[in-house]
Amino acid sequence: MIDKTFAEHFAADWIESWNAHDLDRILAHYTDDFEMSSPCIITVAGEQSGTLRGKEAVLAYWVLALDLIPNLRIELVATLIGVNSITLYYNSVRGAAAEVFFFNPDGKIARAYAYYLKGK
């Protein structure tokens, strides 16, 4: 089970890493073979399944995404704790979003799912 201290530390570091556009620091939170699903993967990366696997594939997608949104800034609204998972609810340049992170026993993200307001 994830505790409040871990969740708060993760949320703060993840948000700070994205606001600094520090992809190496962001990727340090993930396993090498993690899986990321997002509707933006379809539009930005052209992957019709909406899912990418592994750091290399997701890094390439995030580089493209940051090129499209160079002013990306995230403001945390809430950190929600689940069983071996954390959901970050936040506001960004495109509005409200949420990401659900599923952690392995070593505290690294194995799977992540992103959600956005429809049409954003």
PDB file of N, CA and C in Angstrom:
ATOM      1  N   MET A   1       0.842  -1.185   0.000  1.00  0.00           N
ATOM      2  CA  MET A   1       0.000   0.000   0.000  1.00  0.00           C
ATOM      3  C   MET A   1       0.884   1.244   0.000  1.00  0.00           C
ATOM      4  N   ILE A   2       0.499   2.213  -0.755  1.00  0.00           N
ATOM      5  CA  ILE A   2       1.239   3.474  -0.830  1.00  0.00           C
ATOM      6  C   ILE A   2       0.807   4.355   0.341  1.00  0.00           C
ATOM      7  N   ASP A   3       1.793   4.966   0.992  1.00  0.00           N
ATOM      8  CA  ASP A   3       1.442   5.846   2.110  1.00  0.00           C
ATOM      9  C   ASP A   3       1.451   7.313   1.668  1.00  0.00           C
ATOM     10  N   LYS A   4       0.917   8.161   2.530  1.00  0.00           N
ATOM     11  CA  LYS A   4       0.753   9.578   2.235  1.00  0.00           C
ATOM     12  C   LYS A   4       2.091  10.256   1.960  1.00  0.00           C
ATOM     13  N   THR A   5       3.126   9.934   2.721  1.00  0.00           N
ATOM     14  CA  THR A   5       4.436  10.557   2.543  1.00  0.00           C
ATOM     15  C   THR A   5       5.003  10.245   1.164  1.00  0.00           C
ATOM     16  N   PHE A   6       4.950   8.968   0.758  1.00  0.00           N
ATOM     17  CA  PHE A   6       5.439   8.583  -0.567  1.00  0.00           C
ATOM     18  C   PHE A   6       4.650   9.314  -1.646  1.00  0.00           C
ATOM     19  N   ALA A   7       3.334   9.338  -1.524  1.00  0.00           N
ATOM     20  CA  ALA A   7       2.473   9.971  -2.523  1.00  0.00           C
ATOM     21  C   ALA A   7       2.769  11.460  -2.656  1.00  0.00           C
ATOM     22  N   GLU A   8       2.917  12.143  -1.539  1.00  0.00           N
ATOM     23  CA  GLU A   8       3.205  13.578  -1.584  1.00  0.00           C
ATOM     24  C   GLU A   8       4.572  13.861  -2.199  1.00  0.00           C
ATOM     25  N   HIS A   9       5.571  13.062  -1.840  1.00  0.00           N
ATOM     26  CA  HIS A   9       6.916  13.245  -2.404  1.00  0.00           C
ATOM     27  C   HIS A   9       6.897  12.983  -3.908  1.00  0.00           C
ATOM     28  N   PHE A  10       6.249  11.887  -4.311  1.00  0.00           N
ATOM     29  CA  PHE A  10       6.147  11.576  -5.730  1.00  0.00           C
ATOM     30  C   PHE A  10       5.468  12.708  -6.486  1.00  0.00           C
ATOM     31  N   ALA A  11       4.317  13.157  -5.994  1.00  0.00           N
ATOM     32  CA  ALA A  11       3.558  14.208  -6.675  1.00  0.00           C
ATOM     33  C   ALA A  11       4.395  15.466  -6.837  1.00  0.00           C
ATOM     34  N   ALA A  12       5.058  15.896  -5.770  1.00  0.00           N
ATOM     35  CA  ALA A  12       5.863  17.117  -5.832  1.00  0.00           C
ATOM     36  C   ALA A  12       6.998  16.971  -6.844  1.00  0.00           C
ATOM     37  N   ASP A  13       7.698  15.842  -6.811  1.00  0.00           N
ATOM     38  CA  ASP A  13       8.824  15.662  -7.719  1.00  0.00           C
ATOM     39  C   ASP A  13       8.360  15.517  -9.166  1.00  0.00           C
ATOM     40  N   TRP A  14       7.275  14.792  -9.404  1.00  0.00           N
ATOM     41  CA  TRP A  14       6.765  14.599 -10.755  1.00  0.00           C
ATOM     42  C   TRP A  14       6.339  15.935 -11.365  1.00  0.00           C
ATOM     43  N   ILE A  15       5.610  16.746 -10.575  1.00  0.00           N
ATOM     44  CA  ILE A  15       5.161  18.060 -11.059  1.00  0.00           C
ATOM     45  C   ILE A  15       6.367  18.973 -11.312  1.00  0.00           C
ATOM     46  N   GLU A  16       7.308  19.035 -10.369  1.00  0.00           N
ATOM     47  CA  GLU A  16       8.500  19.873 -10.552  1.00  0.00           C
ATOM     48  C   GLU A  16       9.294  19.441 -11.779  1.00  0.00           C
ATOM     49  N   SER A  17       9.402  18.138 -11.998  1.00  0.00           N
ATOM     50  CA  SER A  17      10.142  17.619 -13.153  1.00  0.00           C
ATOM     51  C   SER A  17       9.486  18.035 -14.458  1.00  0.00           C
ATOM     52  N   TRP A  18       8.163  17.920 -14.534  1.00  0.00           N
ATOM     53  CA  TRP A  18       7.468  18.345 -15.750  1.00  0.00           C
ATOM     54  C   TRP A  18       7.567  19.850 -15.950  1.00  0.00           C
ATOM     55  N   ASN A  19       7.433  20.616 -14.884  1.00  0.00           N
ATOM     56  CA  ASN A  19       7.516  22.070 -15.027  1.00  0.00           C
ATOM     57  C   ASN A  19       8.908  22.528 -15.444  1.00  0.00           C
ATOM     58  N   ALA A  20       9.916  21.741 -15.125  1.00  0.00           N
ATOM     59  CA  ALA A  20      11.288  22.031 -15.568  1.00  0.00           C
ATOM     60  C   ALA A  20      11.572  21.424 -16.944  1.00  0.00           C
ATOM     61  N   HIS A  21      10.627  20.656 -17.458  1.00  0.00           N
ATOM     62  CA  HIS A  21      10.788  19.940 -18.743  1.00  0.00           C
ATOM     63  C   HIS A  21      12.016  19.037 -18.706  1.00  0.00           C
ATOM     64  N   ASP A  22      12.259  18.435 -17.546  1.00  0.00           N
ATOM     65  CA  ASP A  22      13.424  17.570 -17.320  1.00  0.00           C
ATOM     66  C   ASP A  22      13.014  16.106 -17.542  1.00  0.00           C
ATOM     67  N   LEU A  23      13.115  15.658 -18.786  1.00  0.00           N
ATOM     68  CA  LEU A  23      12.638  14.322 -19.136  1.00  0.00           C
ATOM     69  C   LEU A  23      13.428  13.211 -18.464  1.00  0.00           C
ATOM     70  N   ASP A  24      14.714  13.400 -18.238  1.00  0.00           N
ATOM     71  CA  ASP A  24      15.501  12.380 -17.527  1.00  0.00           C
ATOM     72  C   ASP A  24      14.993  12.204 -16.101  1.00  0.00           C
ATOM     73  N   ARG A  25      14.706  13.307 -15.443  1.00  0.00           N
ATOM     74  CA  ARG A  25      14.192  13.257 -14.069  1.00  0.00           C
ATOM     75  C   ARG A  25      12.809  12.617 -14.033  1.00  0.00           C
ATOM     76  N   ILE A  26      11.978  12.932 -15.021  1.00  0.00           N
ATOM     77  CA  ILE A  26      10.649  12.324 -15.091  1.00  0.00           C
ATOM     78  C   ILE A  26      10.768  10.818 -15.286  1.00  0.00           C
ATOM     79  N   LEU A  27      11.592  10.413 -16.261  1.00  0.00           N
ATOM     80  CA  LEU A  27      11.745   8.991 -16.572  1.00  0.00           C
ATOM     81  C   LEU A  27      12.316   8.182 -15.412  1.00  0.00           C
ATOM     82  N   ALA A  28      13.016   8.821 -14.487  1.00  0.00           N
ATOM     83  CA  ALA A  28      13.575   8.119 -13.331  1.00  0.00           C
ATOM     84  C   ALA A  28      12.480   7.504 -12.456  1.00  0.00           C
ATOM     85  N   HIS A  29      11.248   7.973 -12.594  1.00  0.00           N
ATOM     86  CA  HIS A  29      10.124   7.439 -11.817  1.00  0.00           C
ATOM     87  C   HIS A  29       9.574   6.131 -12.387  1.00  0.00           C
ATOM     88  N   TYR A  30       9.977   5.755 -13.593  1.00  0.00           N
ATOM     89  CA  TYR A  30       9.350   4.663 -14.326  1.00  0.00           C
ATOM     90  C   TYR A  30      10.280   3.460 -14.483  1.00  0.00           C
ATOM     91  N   THR A  31       9.677   2.269 -14.626  1.00  0.00           N
ATOM     92  CA  THR A  31      10.447   1.071 -14.970  1.00  0.00           C
ATOM     93  C   THR A  31      10.871   1.185 -16.437  1.00  0.00           C
ATOM     94  N   ASP A  32      11.887   0.427 -16.831  1.00  0.00           N
ATOM     95  CA  ASP A  32      12.365   0.482 -18.216  1.00  0.00           C
ATOM     96  C   ASP A  32      11.301   0.051 -19.215  1.00  0.00           C
ATOM     97  N   ASP A  33      10.420  -0.862 -18.805  1.00  0.00           N
ATOM     98  CA  ASP A  33       9.422  -1.412 -19.729  1.00  0.00           C
ATOM     99  C   ASP A  33       7.999  -0.937 -19.414  1.00  0.00           C
ATOM    100  N   PHE A  34       7.882   0.237 -18.790  1.00  0.00           N
ATOM    101  CA  PHE A  34       6.544   0.692 -18.399  1.00  0.00           C
ATOM    102  C   PHE A  34       5.652   0.923 -19.613  1.00  0.00           C
ATOM    103  N   GLU A  35       4.363   0.945 -19.333  1.00  0.00           N
ATOM    104  CA  GLU A  35       3.347   1.130 -20.362  1.00  0.00           C
ATOM    105  C   GLU A  35       2.594   2.420 -20.075  1.00  0.00           C
ATOM    106  N   MET A  36       2.448   3.256 -21.093  1.00  0.00           N
ATOM    107  CA  MET A  36       1.757   4.536 -20.968  1.00  0.00           C
ATOM    108  C   MET A  36       0.600   4.576 -21.948  1.00  0.00           C
ATOM    109  N   SER A  37      -0.593   4.922 -21.457  1.00  0.00           N
ATOM    110  CA  SER A  37      -1.769   5.055 -22.320  1.00  0.00           C
ATOM    111  C   SER A  37      -2.333   6.458 -22.181  1.00  0.00           C
ATOM    112  N   SER A  38      -2.630   7.070 -23.328  1.00  0.00           N
ATOM    113  CA  SER A  38      -3.155   8.428 -23.344  1.00  0.00           C
ATOM    114  C   SER A  38      -3.819   8.692 -24.690  1.00  0.00           C
ATOM    115  N   PRO A  39      -4.934   9.422 -24.700  1.00  0.00           N
ATOM    116  CA  PRO A  39      -5.514   9.787 -25.982  1.00  0.00           C
ATOM    117  C   PRO A  39      -4.570  10.672 -26.805  1.00  0.00           C
ATOM    118  N   CYS A  40      -3.669  11.383 -26.145  1.00  0.00           N
ATOM    119  CA  CYS A  40      -2.712  12.238 -26.860  1.00  0.00           C
ATOM    120  C   CYS A  40      -1.676  11.414 -27.621  1.00  0.00           C
ATOM    121  N   ILE A  41      -1.436  10.188 -27.201  1.00  0.00           N
ATOM    122  CA  ILE A  41      -0.507   9.320 -27.930  1.00  0.00           C
ATOM    123  C   ILE A  41      -1.030   9.082 -29.341  1.00  0.00           C
ATOM    124  N   ILE A  42      -2.343   9.004 -29.488  1.00  0.00           N
ATOM    125  CA  ILE A  42      -2.946   8.802 -30.805  1.00  0.00           C
ATOM    126  C   ILE A  42      -2.672  10.010 -31.696  1.00  0.00           C
ATOM    127  N   THR A  43      -2.921  11.207 -31.173  1.00  0.00           N
ATOM    128  CA  THR A  43      -2.786  12.407 -31.997  1.00  0.00           C
ATOM    129  C   THR A  43      -1.346  12.869 -32.165  1.00  0.00           C
ATOM    130  N   VAL A  44      -0.530  12.740 -31.133  1.00  0.00           N
ATOM    131  CA  VAL A  44       0.855  13.241 -31.198  1.00  0.00           C
ATOM    132  C   VAL A  44       1.806  12.225 -31.805  1.00  0.00           C
ATOM    133  N   ALA A  45       1.723  10.976 -31.350  1.00  0.00           N
ATOM    134  CA  ALA A  45       2.658   9.943 -31.805  1.00  0.00           C
ATOM    135  C   ALA A  45       2.113   9.119 -32.965  1.00  0.00           C
ATOM    136  N   GLY A  46       0.820   9.232 -33.235  1.00  0.00           N
ATOM    137  CA  GLY A  46       0.230   8.473 -34.321  1.00  0.00           C
ATOM    138  C   GLY A  46       0.024   7.002 -34.020  1.00  0.00           C
ATOM    139  N   GLU A  47       0.118   6.624 -32.756  1.00  0.00           N
ATOM    140  CA  GLU A  47      -0.089   5.231 -32.346  1.00  0.00           C
ATOM    141  C   GLU A  47      -1.575   5.043 -32.043  1.00  0.00           C
ATOM    142  N   GLN A  48      -2.279   4.357 -32.945  1.00  0.00           N
ATOM    143  CA  GLN A  48      -3.729   4.242 -32.864  1.00  0.00           C
ATOM    144  C   GLN A  48      -4.240   3.518 -31.629  1.00  0.00           C
ATOM    145  N   SER A  49      -3.425   2.680 -31.015  1.00  0.00           N
ATOM    146  CA  SER A  49      -3.854   1.992 -29.794  1.00  0.00           C
ATOM    147  C   SER A  49      -3.897   2.941 -28.600  1.00  0.00           C
ATOM    148  N   GLY A  50      -3.184   4.071 -28.698  1.00  0.00           N
ATOM    149  CA  GLY A  50      -3.110   5.006 -27.577  1.00  0.00           C
ATOM    150  C   GLY A  50      -2.164   4.558 -26.486  1.00  0.00           C
ATOM    151  N   THR A  51      -1.388   3.512 -26.748  1.00  0.00           N
ATOM    152  CA  THR A  51      -0.487   2.953 -25.736  1.00  0.00           C
ATOM    153  C   THR A  51       0.919   2.805 -26.301  1.00  0.00           C
ATOM    154  N   LEU A  52       1.901   3.192 -25.488  1.00  0.00           N
ATOM    155  CA  LEU A  52       3.313   3.004 -25.817  1.00  0.00           C
ATOM    156  C   LEU A  52       3.954   2.179 -24.715  1.00  0.00           C
ATOM    157  N   ARG A  53       4.987   1.414 -25.077  1.00  0.00           N
ATOM    158  CA  ARG A  53       5.681   0.569 -24.107  1.00  0.00           C
ATOM    159  C   ARG A  53       7.169   0.869 -24.133  1.00  0.00           C
ATOM    160  N   GLY A  54       7.736   1.051 -22.942  1.00  0.00           N
ATOM    161  CA  GLY A  54       9.171   1.244 -22.792  1.00  0.00           C
ATOM    162  C   GLY A  54       9.585   2.703 -22.794  1.00  0.00           C
ATOM    163  N   LYS A  55      10.673   2.974 -22.083  1.00  0.00           N
ATOM    164  CA  LYS A  55      11.150   4.343 -21.926  1.00  0.00           C
ATOM    165  C   LYS A  55      11.493   5.013 -23.251  1.00  0.00           C
ATOM    166  N   GLU A  56      12.109   4.278 -24.179  1.00  0.00           N
ATOM    167  CA  GLU A  56      12.499   4.895 -25.446  1.00  0.00           C
ATOM    168  C   GLU A  56      11.289   5.396 -26.226  1.00  0.00           C
ATOM    169  N   ALA A  57      10.253   4.585 -26.316  1.00  0.00           N
ATOM    170  CA  ALA A  57       9.054   4.971 -27.061  1.00  0.00           C
ATOM    171  C   ALA A  57       8.347   6.148 -26.392  1.00  0.00           C
ATOM    172  N   VAL A  58       8.225   6.107 -25.086  1.00  0.00           N
ATOM    173  CA  VAL A  58       7.534   7.184 -24.376  1.00  0.00           C
ATOM    174  C   VAL A  58       8.368   8.461 -24.406  1.00  0.00           C
ATOM    175  N   LEU A  59       9.679   8.340 -24.285  1.00  0.00           N
ATOM    176  CA  LEU A  59      10.546   9.521 -24.372  1.00  0.00           C
ATOM    177  C   LEU A  59      10.361  10.217 -25.717  1.00  0.00           C
ATOM    178  N   ALA A  60      10.345   9.478 -26.805  1.00  0.00           N
ATOM    179  CA  ALA A  60      10.160  10.075 -28.126  1.00  0.00           C
ATOM    180  C   ALA A  60       8.819  10.813 -28.199  1.00  0.00           C
ATOM    181  N   TYR A  61       7.780  10.224 -27.626  1.00  0.00           N
ATOM    182  CA  TYR A  61       6.454  10.860 -27.580  1.00  0.00           C
ATOM    183  C   TYR A  61       6.495  12.137 -26.748  1.00  0.00           C
ATOM    184  N   TRP A  62       7.121  12.089 -25.563  1.00  0.00           N
ATOM    185  CA  TRP A  62       7.178  13.273 -24.709  1.00  0.00           C
ATOM    186  C   TRP A  62       7.984  14.400 -25.353  1.00  0.00           C
ATOM    187  N   VAL A  63       9.040  14.078 -26.089  1.00  0.00           N
ATOM    188  CA  VAL A  63       9.804  15.099 -26.810  1.00  0.00           C
ATOM    189  C   VAL A  63       8.895  15.800 -27.819  1.00  0.00           C
ATOM    190  N   LEU A  64       8.128  15.021 -28.579  1.00  0.00           N
ATOM    191  CA  LEU A  64       7.185  15.609 -29.534  1.00  0.00           C
ATOM    192  C   LEU A  64       6.149  16.478 -28.823  1.00  0.00           C
ATOM    193  N   ALA A  65       5.619  15.980 -27.729  1.00  0.00           N
ATOM    194  CA  ALA A  65       4.591  16.711 -26.987  1.00  0.00           C
ATOM    195  C   ALA A  65       5.124  18.041 -26.460  1.00  0.00           C
ATOM    196  N   LEU A  66       6.342  18.047 -25.929  1.00  0.00           N
ATOM    197  CA  LEU A  66       6.915  19.297 -25.423  1.00  0.00           C
ATOM    198  C   LEU A  66       7.222  20.277 -26.547  1.00  0.00           C
ATOM    199  N   ASP A  67       7.546  19.760 -27.726  1.00  0.00           N
ATOM    200  CA  ASP A  67       7.724  20.649 -28.880  1.00  0.00           C
ATOM    201  C   ASP A  67       6.405  21.322 -29.253  1.00  0.00           C
ATOM    202  N   LEU A  68       5.301  20.593 -29.111  1.00  0.00           N
ATOM    203  CA  LEU A  68       3.982  21.139 -29.430  1.00  0.00           C
ATOM    204  C   LEU A  68       3.470  22.086 -28.349  1.00  0.00           C
ATOM    205  N   ILE A  69       3.885  21.850 -27.100  1.00  0.00           N
ATOM    206  CA  ILE A  69       3.427  22.675 -25.964  1.00  0.00           C
ATOM    207  C   ILE A  69       4.657  23.161 -25.187  1.00  0.00           C
ATOM    208  N   PRO A  70       5.425  24.085 -25.762  1.00  0.00           N
ATOM    209  CA  PRO A  70       6.656  24.517 -25.093  1.00  0.00           C
ATOM    210  C   PRO A  70       6.423  25.283 -23.787  1.00  0.00           C
ATOM    211  N   ASN A  71       5.212  25.792 -23.589  1.00  0.00           N
ATOM    212  CA  ASN A  71       4.893  26.523 -22.358  1.00  0.00           C
ATOM    213  C   ASN A  71       4.211  25.638 -21.321  1.00  0.00           C
ATOM    214  N   LEU A  72       4.372  24.310 -21.444  1.00  0.00           N
ATOM    215  CA  LEU A  72       3.714  23.383 -20.520  1.00  0.00           C
ATOM    216  C   LEU A  72       4.053  23.717 -19.075  1.00  0.00           C
ATOM    217  N   ARG A  73       3.028  23.831 -18.285  1.00  0.00           N
ATOM    218  CA  ARG A  73       3.165  24.050 -16.843  1.00  0.00           C
ATOM    219  C   ARG A  73       2.002  23.329 -16.185  1.00  0.00           C
ATOM    220  N   ILE A  74       2.296  22.631 -15.096  1.00  0.00           N
ATOM    221  CA  ILE A  74       1.298  21.834 -14.391  1.00  0.00           C
ATOM    222  C   ILE A  74       1.117  22.366 -12.977  1.00  0.00           C
ATOM    223  N   GLU A  75      -0.152  22.466 -12.562  1.00  0.00           N
ATOM    224  CA  GLU A  75      -0.482  22.874 -11.193  1.00  0.00           C
ATOM    225  C   GLU A  75      -1.305  21.760 -10.558  1.00  0.00           C
ATOM    226  N   LEU A  76      -0.772  21.192  -9.506  1.00  0.00           N
ATOM    227  CA  LEU A  76      -1.436  20.087  -8.819  1.00  0.00           C
ATOM    228  C   LEU A  76      -2.700  20.568  -8.116  1.00  0.00           C
ATOM    229  N   VAL A  77      -3.788  19.804  -8.296  1.00  0.00           N
ATOM    230  CA  VAL A  77      -5.052  20.063  -7.608  1.00  0.00           C
ATOM    231  C   VAL A  77      -5.200  19.096  -6.447  1.00  0.00           C
ATOM    232  N   ALA A  78      -4.959  17.793  -6.714  1.00  0.00           N
ATOM    233  CA  ALA A  78      -5.140  16.782  -5.667  1.00  0.00           C
ATOM    234  C   ALA A  78      -4.305  15.552  -5.973  1.00  0.00           C
ATOM    235  N   THR A  79      -3.886  14.891  -4.893  1.00  0.00           N
ATOM    236  CA  THR A  79      -3.184  13.613  -4.977  1.00  0.00           C
ATOM    237  C   THR A  79      -4.082  12.574  -4.321  1.00  0.00           C
ATOM    238  N   LEU A  80      -4.469  11.568  -5.085  1.00  0.00           N
ATOM    239  CA  LEU A  80      -5.354  10.522  -4.592  1.00  0.00           C
ATOM    240  C   LEU A  80      -4.574   9.224  -4.491  1.00  0.00           C
ATOM    241  N   ILE A  81      -4.727   8.521  -3.368  1.00  0.00           N
ATOM    242  CA  ILE A  81      -3.965   7.301  -3.110  1.00  0.00           C
ATOM    243  C   ILE A  81      -4.876   6.083  -3.249  1.00  0.00           C
ATOM    244  N   GLY A  82      -4.384   5.091  -4.001  1.00  0.00           N
ATOM    245  CA  GLY A  82      -5.104   3.833  -4.170  1.00  0.00           C
ATOM    246  C   GLY A  82      -4.208   2.667  -3.791  1.00  0.00           C
ATOM    247  N   VAL A  83      -4.625   1.477  -4.131  1.00  0.00           N
ATOM    248  CA  VAL A  83      -3.829   0.283  -3.870  1.00  0.00           C
ATOM    249  C   VAL A  83      -2.702   0.236  -4.889  1.00  0.00           C
ATOM    250  N   ASN A  84      -1.485   0.397  -4.426  1.00  0.00           N
ATOM    251  CA  ASN A  84      -0.303   0.417  -5.288  1.00  0.00           C
ATOM    252  C   ASN A  84      -0.432   1.408  -6.436  1.00  0.00           C
ATOM    253  N   SER A  85      -1.195   2.471  -6.228  1.00  0.00           N
ATOM    254  CA  SER A  85      -1.401   3.456  -7.278  1.00  0.00           C
ATOM    255  C   SER A  85      -1.635   4.846  -6.694  1.00  0.00           C
ATOM    256  N   ILE A  86      -1.352   5.812  -7.537  1.00  0.00           N
ATOM    257  CA  ILE A  86      -1.585   7.217  -7.197  1.00  0.00           C
ATOM    258  C   ILE A  86      -2.246   7.862  -8.402  1.00  0.00           C
ATOM    259  N   THR A  87      -3.239   8.716  -8.155  1.00  0.00           N
ATOM    260  CA  THR A  87      -3.823   9.532  -9.209  1.00  0.00           C
ATOM    261  C   THR A  87      -3.495  10.984  -8.901  1.00  0.00           C
ATOM    262  N   LEU A  88      -2.901  11.654  -9.894  1.00  0.00           N
ATOM    263  CA  LEU A  88      -2.662  13.088  -9.774  1.00  0.00           C
ATOM    264  C   LEU A  88      -3.706  13.804 -10.620  1.00  0.00           C
ATOM    265  N   TYR A  89      -4.444  14.671  -9.970  1.00  0.00           N
ATOM    266  CA  TYR A  89      -5.421  15.515 -10.655  1.00  0.00           C
ATOM    267  C   TYR A  89      -4.788  16.887 -10.718  1.00  0.00           C
ATOM    268  N   TYR A  90      -4.691  17.445 -11.936  1.00  0.00           N
ATOM    269  CA  TYR A  90      -3.981  18.705 -12.091  1.00  0.00           C
ATOM    270  C   TYR A  90      -4.579  19.547 -13.211  1.00  0.00           C
ATOM    271  N   ASN A  91      -4.178  20.810 -13.228  1.00  0.00           N
ATOM    272  CA  ASN A  91      -4.514  21.721 -14.310  1.00  0.00           C
ATOM    273  C   ASN A  91      -3.246  22.005 -15.098  1.00  0.00           C
ATOM    274  N   SER A  92      -3.417  22.126 -16.401  1.00  0.00           N
ATOM    275  CA  SER A  92      -2.300  22.421 -17.280  1.00  0.00           C
ATOM    276  C   SER A  92      -2.764  23.445 -18.311  1.00  0.00           C
ATOM    277  N   VAL A  93      -1.927  23.712 -19.281  1.00  0.00           N
ATOM    278  CA  VAL A  93      -2.265  24.724 -20.284  1.00  0.00           C
ATOM    279  C   VAL A  93      -3.501  24.351 -21.094  1.00  0.00           C
ATOM    280  N   ARG A  94      -3.838  23.084 -21.135  1.00  0.00           N
ATOM    281  CA  ARG A  94      -5.015  22.627 -21.882  1.00  0.00           C
ATOM    282  C   ARG A  94      -6.193  22.277 -20.972  1.00  0.00           C
ATOM    283  N   GLY A  95      -6.125  22.640 -19.699  1.00  0.00           N
ATOM    284  CA  GLY A  95      -7.229  22.400 -18.788  1.00  0.00           C
ATOM    285  C   GLY A  95      -6.964  21.283 -17.799  1.00  0.00           C
ATOM    286  N   ALA A  96      -8.052  20.777 -17.249  1.00  0.00           N
ATOM    287  CA  ALA A  96      -7.970  19.740 -16.210  1.00  0.00           C
ATOM    288  C   ALA A  96      -7.532  18.408 -16.809  1.00  0.00           C
ATOM    289  N   ALA A  97      -6.743  17.676 -16.020  1.00  0.00           N
ATOM    290  CA  ALA A  97      -6.261  16.355 -16.435  1.00  0.00           C
ATOM    291  C   ALA A  97      -6.042  15.506 -15.193  1.00  0.00           C
ATOM    292  N   ALA A  98      -5.967  14.204 -15.412  1.00  0.00           N
ATOM    293  CA  ALA A  98      -5.637  13.272 -14.337  1.00  0.00           C
ATOM    294  C   ALA A  98      -4.753  12.181 -14.915  1.00  0.00           C
ATOM    295  N   GLU A  99      -3.798  11.746 -14.121  1.00  0.00           N
ATOM    296  CA  GLU A  99      -2.964  10.608 -14.509  1.00  0.00           C
ATOM    297  C   GLU A  99      -2.962   9.616 -13.365  1.00  0.00           C
ATOM    298  N   VAL A 100      -3.142   8.351 -13.731  1.00  0.00           N
ATOM    299  CA  VAL A 100      -3.154   7.259 -12.764  1.00  0.00           C
ATOM    300  C   VAL A 100      -1.874   6.469 -12.965  1.00  0.00           C
ATOM    301  N   PHE A 101      -1.137   6.287 -11.872  1.00  0.00           N
ATOM    302  CA  PHE A 101       0.160   5.605 -11.908  1.00  0.00           C
ATOM    303  C   PHE A 101       0.074   4.340 -11.064  1.00  0.00           C
ATOM    304  N   PHE A 102       0.450   3.204 -11.648  1.00  0.00           N
ATOM    305  CA  PHE A 102       0.492   1.935 -10.929  1.00  0.00           C
ATOM    306  C   PHE A 102       1.956   1.593 -10.683  1.00  0.00           C
ATOM    307  N   PHE A 103       2.296   1.370  -9.419  1.00  0.00           N
ATOM    308  CA  PHE A 103       3.678   1.179  -9.001  1.00  0.00           C
ATOM    309  C   PHE A 103       4.015  -0.290  -8.791  1.00  0.00           C
ATOM    310  N   ASN A 104       5.262  -0.652  -9.093  1.00  0.00           N
ATOM    311  CA  ASN A 104       5.752  -1.999  -8.800  1.00  0.00           C
ATOM    312  C   ASN A 104       6.244  -2.031  -7.345  1.00  0.00           C
ATOM    313  N   PRO A 105       6.661  -3.179  -6.834  1.00  0.00           N
ATOM    314  CA  PRO A 105       7.111  -3.261  -5.431  1.00  0.00           C
ATOM    315  C   PRO A 105       8.338  -2.386  -5.114  1.00  0.00           C
ATOM    316  N   ASP A 106       9.107  -1.989  -6.145  1.00  0.00           N
ATOM    317  CA  ASP A 106      10.274  -1.133  -5.931  1.00  0.00           C
ATOM    318  C   ASP A 106       9.931   0.350  -5.938  1.00  0.00           C
ATOM    319  N   GLY A 107       8.656   0.691  -6.064  1.00  0.00           N
ATOM    320  CA  GLY A 107       8.244   2.081  -6.047  1.00  0.00           C
ATOM    321  C   GLY A 107       8.411   2.794  -7.381  1.00  0.00           C
ATOM    322  N   LYS A 108       8.546   2.033  -8.462  1.00  0.00           N
ATOM    323  CA  LYS A 108       8.647   2.603  -9.806  1.00  0.00           C
ATOM    324  C   LYS A 108       7.321   2.394 -10.537  1.00  0.00           C
ATOM    325  N   ILE A 109       7.012   3.286 -11.459  1.00  0.00           N
ATOM    326  CA  ILE A 109       5.764   3.202 -12.211  1.00  0.00           C
ATOM    327  C   ILE A 109       5.890   2.137 -13.293  1.00  0.00           C
ATOM    328  N   ALA A 110       4.965   1.186 -13.280  1.00  0.00           N
ATOM    329  CA  ALA A 110       4.924   0.126 -14.287  1.00  0.00           C
ATOM    330  C   ALA A 110       3.890   0.422 -15.379  1.00  0.00           C
ATOM    331  N   ARG A 111       2.813   1.116 -15.004  1.00  0.00           N
ATOM    332  CA  ARG A 111       1.761   1.486 -15.947  1.00  0.00           C
ATOM    333  C   ARG A 111       1.240   2.861 -15.590  1.00  0.00           C
ATOM    334  N   ALA A 112       0.857   3.626 -16.613  1.00  0.00           N
ATOM    335  CA  ALA A 112       0.284   4.946 -16.376  1.00  0.00           C
ATOM    336  C   ALA A 112      -0.806   5.209 -17.412  1.00  0.00           C
ATOM    337  N   TYR A 113      -1.867   5.874 -16.971  1.00  0.00           N
ATOM    338  CA  TYR A 113      -2.988   6.216 -17.831  1.00  0.00           C
ATOM    339  C   TYR A 113      -3.291   7.703 -17.649  1.00  0.00           C
ATOM    340  N   ALA A 114      -3.431   8.419 -18.755  1.00  0.00           N
ATOM    341  CA  ALA A 114      -3.728   9.852 -18.707  1.00  0.00           C
ATOM    342  C   ALA A 114      -5.157  10.096 -19.179  1.00  0.00           C
ATOM    343  N   TYR A 115      -5.829  11.068 -18.548  1.00  0.00           N
ATOM    344  CA  TYR A 115      -7.206  11.421 -18.861  1.00  0.00           C
ATOM    345  C   TYR A 115      -7.309  12.923 -18.983  1.00  0.00           C
ATOM    346  N   TYR A 116      -8.079  13.370 -19.973  1.00  0.00           N
ATOM    347  CA  TYR A 116      -8.253  14.802 -20.242  1.00  0.00           C
ATOM    348  C   TYR A 116      -9.718  15.111 -20.445  1.00  0.00           C
ATOM    349  N   LEU A 117     -10.095  16.379 -20.268  1.00  0.00           N
ATOM    350  CA  LEU A 117     -11.455  16.780 -20.594  1.00  0.00           C
ATOM    351  C   LEU A 117     -11.691  16.530 -22.077  1.00  0.00           C
ATOM    352  N   LYS A 118     -12.865  16.078 -22.412  1.00  0.00           N
ATOM    353  CA  LYS A 118     -13.187  15.771 -23.799  1.00  0.00           C
ATOM    354  C   LYS A 118     -12.969  17.015 -24.671  1.00  0.00           C
ATOM    355  N   GLY A 119     -12.314  16.795 -25.790  1.00  0.00           N
ATOM    356  CA  GLY A 119     -12.082  17.875 -26.738  1.00  0.00           C
ATOM    357  C   GLY A 119     -10.855  18.714 -26.464  1.00  0.00           C
ATOM    358  N   LYS A 120     -10.101  18.381 -25.436  1.00  0.00           N
ATOM    359  CA  LYS A 120      -8.898  19.173 -25.127  1.00  0.00           C
ATOM    360  C   LYS A 120      -7.679  18.557 -25.748  1.00  0.00           C
TER     361      LYS A 120
END
